[in-house]
Amino acid sequence: MMVFMTIIMVLFKLTCLRNQRVKDSQIQICNLCRDNHKTQLWLSFLILSFLTTCTRADSEIEDLLTCLENLDSTLKKSDAMLYTAPLSDVEKCKHMVLKCYMVELIMVIIEEKINDKKADCLRHFNETLTPEVGCPQCEMHSLQNISSFLKTLTNTLQKLNSL
């Protein structure tokens, strides 16, 4: 956030003429910019847009990681073999890979008759995904047991969270 504010402040300083600058207790802005409410509105909108796009994806991934931690012991009771996308597919097919993981987890929840409200987060996350075109289908990936599947999924989510 500080980066965005610094950029905005530099832009203000560059666009204001020297004689229009007014010293404020915290920042320097020009009278022209201060008096123009439309400019303030658009700048606010711009800053909020940047902040929203930067934090939204990260918080969803963090929420999903927390969800998986809460369901870990319940899910590991399953003896299902699940299609597991490799970590390398994430860069080109992020949503498709995540969709495959969610579909497999939802299948485990249904088969194991897990009636835990904690599992709703998986369904919700699955609904937000829009798979890319041209990516391999879930069934094209190798089958792995639930422990390996969860480990790969966690590594994938941590990689996405760090990007």
C-alpha atoms as a PDB file:
ATOM      1  CA  MET A   1       0.000   0.000   0.000  1.00  0.00           C
ATOM      2  CA  MET A   2       2.857   2.357   0.785  1.00  0.00           C
ATOM      3  CA  VAL A   3       4.193   1.837  -2.734  1.00  0.00           C
ATOM      4  CA  PHE A   4       0.922   3.005  -4.268  1.00  0.00           C
ATOM      5  CA  MET A   5       0.718   6.017  -1.977  1.00  0.00           C
ATOM      6  CA  THR A   6       4.306   6.968  -2.798  1.00  0.00           C
ATOM      7  CA  ILE A   7       3.602   6.725  -6.526  1.00  0.00           C
ATOM      8  CA  ILE A   8       0.507   8.906  -6.186  1.00  0.00           C
ATOM      9  CA  MET A   9       2.433  11.495  -4.189  1.00  0.00           C
ATOM     10  CA  VAL A  10       5.241  11.623  -6.773  1.00  0.00           C
ATOM     11  CA  LEU A  11       2.674  12.063  -9.535  1.00  0.00           C
ATOM     12  CA  PHE A  12       1.072  14.944  -7.610  1.00  0.00           C
ATOM     13  CA  LYS A  13       4.417  16.642  -7.130  1.00  0.00           C
ATOM     14  CA  LEU A  14       5.329  16.269 -10.801  1.00  0.00           C
ATOM     15  CA  THR A  15       2.010  17.551 -12.133  1.00  0.00           C
ATOM     16  CA  CYS A  16       1.647  20.590  -9.889  1.00  0.00           C
ATOM     17  CA  LEU A  17       3.419  23.785 -10.750  1.00  0.00           C
ATOM     18  CA  ARG A  18       5.790  25.083  -8.106  1.00  0.00           C
ATOM     19  CA  ASN A  19       3.657  28.125  -7.276  1.00  0.00           C
ATOM     20  CA  GLN A  20       0.505  25.988  -6.876  1.00  0.00           C
ATOM     21  CA  ARG A  21       1.968  23.699  -4.227  1.00  0.00           C
ATOM     22  CA  VAL A  22       0.621  24.005  -0.730  1.00  0.00           C
ATOM     23  CA  LYS A  23       2.379  22.458   2.242  1.00  0.00           C
ATOM     24  CA  ASP A  24       0.129  20.283   4.331  1.00  0.00           C
ATOM     25  CA  SER A  25       1.099  18.694   7.618  1.00  0.00           C
ATOM     26  CA  GLN A  26       1.447  15.281   5.972  1.00  0.00           C
ATOM     27  CA  ILE A  27       1.609  15.667   2.186  1.00  0.00           C
ATOM     28  CA  GLN A  28       2.114  18.230  -0.537  1.00  0.00           C
ATOM     29  CA  ILE A  29      -0.649  18.596  -3.078  1.00  0.00           C
ATOM     30  CA  CYS A  30      -1.546  21.369  -5.442  1.00  0.00           C
ATOM     31  CA  ASN A  31      -4.544  23.661  -5.105  1.00  0.00           C
ATOM     32  CA  LEU A  32      -5.804  22.494  -8.489  1.00  0.00           C
ATOM     33  CA  CYS A  33      -5.867  18.871  -7.371  1.00  0.00           C
ATOM     34  CA  ARG A  34      -7.251  19.706  -3.942  1.00  0.00           C
ATOM     35  CA  ASP A  35     -10.179  21.654  -5.371  1.00  0.00           C
ATOM     36  CA  ASN A  36     -11.062  19.113  -8.026  1.00  0.00           C
ATOM     37  CA  HIS A  37     -13.338  16.533  -6.372  1.00  0.00           C
ATOM     38  CA  LYS A  38     -13.621  14.513  -9.556  1.00  0.00           C
ATOM     39  CA  THR A  39      -9.852  13.939  -9.518  1.00  0.00           C
ATOM     40  CA  GLN A  40      -9.989  12.867  -5.893  1.00  0.00           C
ATOM     41  CA  LEU A  41     -12.801  10.439  -6.641  1.00  0.00           C
ATOM     42  CA  TRP A  42     -10.957   8.832  -9.544  1.00  0.00           C
ATOM     43  CA  LEU A  43      -7.707   8.594  -7.591  1.00  0.00           C
ATOM     44  CA  SER A  44      -9.551   6.918  -4.728  1.00  0.00           C
ATOM     45  CA  PHE A  45     -11.141   4.505  -7.162  1.00  0.00           C
ATOM     46  CA  LEU A  46      -7.750   3.769  -8.746  1.00  0.00           C
ATOM     47  CA  ILE A  47      -6.095   3.072  -5.391  1.00  0.00           C
ATOM     48  CA  LEU A  48      -8.948   0.843  -4.236  1.00  0.00           C
ATOM     49  CA  SER A  49      -8.795  -1.068  -7.521  1.00  0.00           C
ATOM     50  CA  PHE A  50      -5.101  -1.755  -7.053  1.00  0.00           C
ATOM     51  CA  LEU A  51      -5.576  -2.831  -3.473  1.00  0.00           C
ATOM     52  CA  THR A  52      -8.520  -5.078  -4.309  1.00  0.00           C
ATOM     53  CA  THR A  53      -6.747  -6.912  -7.119  1.00  0.00           C
ATOM     54  CA  CYS A  54      -3.580  -7.319  -5.078  1.00  0.00           C
ATOM     55  CA  THR A  55      -5.190  -8.745  -1.954  1.00  0.00           C
ATOM     56  CA  ARG A  56      -8.195 -10.714  -3.209  1.00  0.00           C
ATOM     57  CA  ALA A  57      -6.393 -13.721  -4.684  1.00  0.00           C
ATOM     58  CA  ASP A  58      -3.983 -14.010  -1.782  1.00  0.00           C
ATOM     59  CA  SER A  59      -6.730 -14.032   0.822  1.00  0.00           C
ATOM     60  CA  GLU A  60      -8.732 -16.679  -1.070  1.00  0.00           C
ATOM     61  CA  ILE A  61      -5.676 -18.952  -1.259  1.00  0.00           C
ATOM     62  CA  GLU A  62      -4.951 -18.390   2.432  1.00  0.00           C
ATOM     63  CA  ASP A  63      -8.583 -19.185   3.268  1.00  0.00           C
ATOM     64  CA  LEU A  64      -8.371 -22.393   1.242  1.00  0.00           C
ATOM     65  CA  LEU A  65      -5.150 -23.417   3.008  1.00  0.00           C
ATOM     66  CA  THR A  66      -6.855 -22.879   6.368  1.00  0.00           C
ATOM     67  CA  CYS A  67      -9.863 -24.858   5.165  1.00  0.00           C
ATOM     68  CA  LEU A  68      -7.628 -27.772   4.161  1.00  0.00           C
ATOM     69  CA  GLU A  69      -5.848 -27.697   7.515  1.00  0.00           C
ATOM     70  CA  ASN A  70      -9.218 -27.948   9.271  1.00  0.00           C
ATOM     71  CA  LEU A  71     -10.277 -30.902   7.113  1.00  0.00           C
ATOM     72  CA  ASP A  72      -6.901 -32.664   6.951  1.00  0.00           C
ATOM     73  CA  SER A  73      -7.521 -35.391   9.517  1.00  0.00           C
ATOM     74  CA  THR A  74     -11.015 -36.089   8.153  1.00  0.00           C
ATOM     75  CA  LEU A  75      -9.870 -36.279   4.532  1.00  0.00           C
ATOM     76  CA  LYS A  76      -6.883 -38.531   5.297  1.00  0.00           C
ATOM     77  CA  LYS A  77      -9.280 -41.269   6.445  1.00  0.00           C
ATOM     78  CA  SER A  78     -10.155 -41.869   2.796  1.00  0.00           C
ATOM     79  CA  ASP A  79      -8.404 -44.584   0.786  1.00  0.00           C
ATOM     80  CA  ALA A  80      -9.348 -42.978  -2.535  1.00  0.00           C
ATOM     81  CA  MET A  81      -6.911 -42.598  -5.410  1.00  0.00           C
ATOM     82  CA  LEU A  82      -7.200 -39.104  -6.834  1.00  0.00           C
ATOM     83  CA  TYR A  83      -6.118 -37.396 -10.049  1.00  0.00           C
ATOM     84  CA  THR A  84      -3.275 -35.098  -9.063  1.00  0.00           C
ATOM     85  CA  ALA A  85      -2.074 -32.312 -11.318  1.00  0.00           C
ATOM     86  CA  PRO A  86       1.664 -31.604 -11.224  1.00  0.00           C
ATOM     87  CA  LEU A  87       2.944 -28.335  -9.839  1.00  0.00           C
ATOM     88  CA  SER A  88       4.350 -27.455 -13.281  1.00  0.00           C
ATOM     89  CA  ASP A  89       0.827 -27.160 -14.789  1.00  0.00           C
ATOM     90  CA  VAL A  90      -0.128 -24.306 -12.461  1.00  0.00           C
ATOM     91  CA  GLU A  91       1.580 -21.546 -14.439  1.00  0.00           C
ATOM     92  CA  LYS A  92      -0.355 -22.111 -17.667  1.00  0.00           C
ATOM     93  CA  CYS A  93      -3.590 -23.613 -16.291  1.00  0.00           C
ATOM     94  CA  LYS A  94      -4.031 -22.205 -12.780  1.00  0.00           C
ATOM     95  CA  HIS A  95      -7.833 -22.312 -12.568  1.00  0.00           C
ATOM     96  CA  MET A  96      -8.130 -25.677 -14.336  1.00  0.00           C
ATOM     97  CA  VAL A  97      -5.619 -27.270 -11.963  1.00  0.00           C
ATOM     98  CA  LEU A  98      -7.417 -25.828  -8.929  1.00  0.00           C
ATOM     99  CA  LYS A  99     -10.773 -26.950 -10.353  1.00  0.00           C
ATOM    100  CA  CYS A 100      -9.417 -30.505 -10.685  1.00  0.00           C
ATOM    101  CA  TYR A 101      -8.260 -30.476  -7.077  1.00  0.00           C
ATOM    102  CA  MET A 102     -11.589 -29.130  -5.822  1.00  0.00           C
ATOM    103  CA  VAL A 103     -13.633 -31.661  -7.819  1.00  0.00           C
ATOM    104  CA  GLU A 104     -11.545 -34.510  -6.419  1.00  0.00           C
ATOM    105  CA  LEU A 105     -11.880 -33.217  -2.843  1.00  0.00           C
ATOM    106  CA  ILE A 106     -15.632 -32.738  -3.208  1.00  0.00           C
ATOM    107  CA  MET A 107     -15.865 -36.316  -4.495  1.00  0.00           C
ATOM    108  CA  VAL A 108     -14.036 -37.548  -1.375  1.00  0.00           C
ATOM    109  CA  ILE A 109     -16.391 -35.554   0.842  1.00  0.00           C
ATOM    110  CA  ILE A 110     -19.412 -37.103  -0.865  1.00  0.00           C
ATOM    111  CA  GLU A 111     -18.044 -40.673  -0.871  1.00  0.00           C
ATOM    112  CA  GLU A 112     -16.903 -40.502   2.737  1.00  0.00           C
ATOM    113  CA  LYS A 113     -20.227 -38.878   3.737  1.00  0.00           C
ATOM    114  CA  ILE A 114     -18.473 -36.007   5.463  1.00  0.00           C
ATOM    115  CA  ASN A 115     -21.261 -33.753   6.733  1.00  0.00           C
ATOM    116  CA  ASP A 116     -18.974 -31.115   8.139  1.00  0.00           C
ATOM    117  CA  LYS A 117     -19.766 -27.441   7.541  1.00  0.00           C
ATOM    118  CA  LYS A 118     -15.999 -26.939   7.242  1.00  0.00           C
ATOM    119  CA  ALA A 119     -16.217 -28.566   3.791  1.00  0.00           C
ATOM    120  CA  ASP A 120     -18.399 -25.759   2.435  1.00  0.00           C
ATOM    121  CA  CYS A 121     -15.282 -23.672   1.813  1.00  0.00           C
ATOM    122  CA  LEU A 122     -14.190 -26.170  -0.855  1.00  0.00           C
ATOM    123  CA  ARG A 123     -17.509 -25.925  -2.665  1.00  0.00           C
ATOM    124  CA  HIS A 124     -17.453 -22.142  -2.460  1.00  0.00           C
ATOM    125  CA  PHE A 125     -13.908 -21.910  -3.806  1.00  0.00           C
ATOM    126  CA  ASN A 126     -14.798 -24.348  -6.614  1.00  0.00           C
ATOM    127  CA  GLU A 127     -17.689 -22.115  -7.705  1.00  0.00           C
ATOM    128  CA  THR A 128     -15.363 -19.120  -8.137  1.00  0.00           C
ATOM    129  CA  LEU A 129     -13.047 -20.875 -10.604  1.00  0.00           C
ATOM    130  CA  THR A 130     -13.278 -20.428 -14.375  1.00  0.00           C
ATOM    131  CA  PRO A 131     -11.069 -23.057 -16.050  1.00  0.00           C
ATOM    132  CA  GLU A 132      -8.878 -21.966 -18.947  1.00  0.00           C
ATOM    133  CA  VAL A 133      -9.387 -23.364 -22.453  1.00  0.00           C
ATOM    134  CA  GLY A 134      -6.810 -25.775 -23.843  1.00  0.00           C
ATOM    135  CA  CYS A 135      -5.711 -27.303 -20.548  1.00  0.00           C
ATOM    136  CA  PRO A 136      -5.570 -31.068 -19.957  1.00  0.00           C
ATOM    137  CA  GLN A 137      -8.634 -32.672 -18.393  1.00  0.00           C
ATOM    138  CA  CYS A 138      -8.383 -33.800 -14.779  1.00  0.00           C
ATOM    139  CA  GLU A 139      -8.408 -37.471 -15.763  1.00  0.00           C
ATOM    140  CA  MET A 140      -5.184 -36.963 -17.721  1.00  0.00           C
ATOM    141  CA  HIS A 141      -3.179 -36.533 -14.519  1.00  0.00           C
ATOM    142  CA  SER A 142      -1.666 -39.382 -12.513  1.00  0.00           C
ATOM    143  CA  LEU A 143      -3.519 -41.076  -9.671  1.00  0.00           C
ATOM    144  CA  GLN A 144      -2.150 -40.659  -6.148  1.00  0.00           C
ATOM    145  CA  ASN A 145      -3.312 -41.548  -2.670  1.00  0.00           C
ATOM    146  CA  ILE A 146      -4.959 -38.891  -0.517  1.00  0.00           C
ATOM    147  CA  SER A 147      -1.802 -38.056   1.473  1.00  0.00           C
ATOM    148  CA  SER A 148       0.269 -37.381  -1.662  1.00  0.00           C
ATOM    149  CA  PHE A 149      -2.667 -35.536  -3.221  1.00  0.00           C
ATOM    150  CA  LEU A 150      -3.036 -33.205  -0.217  1.00  0.00           C
ATOM    151  CA  LYS A 151       0.706 -32.602  -0.042  1.00  0.00           C
ATOM    152  CA  THR A 152       0.858 -31.649  -3.733  1.00  0.00           C
ATOM    153  CA  LEU A 153      -2.234 -29.448  -3.381  1.00  0.00           C
ATOM    154  CA  THR A 154      -0.743 -27.658  -0.372  1.00  0.00           C
ATOM    155  CA  ASN A 155       2.541 -27.082  -2.249  1.00  0.00           C
ATOM    156  CA  THR A 156       0.580 -25.750  -5.233  1.00  0.00           C
ATOM    157  CA  LEU A 157      -1.401 -23.338  -3.070  1.00  0.00           C
ATOM    158  CA  GLN A 158       1.714 -22.137  -1.276  1.00  0.00           C
ATOM    159  CA  LYS A 159       3.391 -21.497  -4.639  1.00  0.00           C
ATOM    160  CA  LEU A 160       0.351 -19.517  -5.834  1.00  0.00           C
ATOM    161  CA  ASN A 161       0.303 -17.575  -2.589  1.00  0.00           C
ATOM    162  CA  SER A 162       3.943 -16.570  -3.000  1.00  0.00           C
ATOM    163  CA  LEU A 163       3.481 -15.252  -6.558  1.00  0.00           C
END
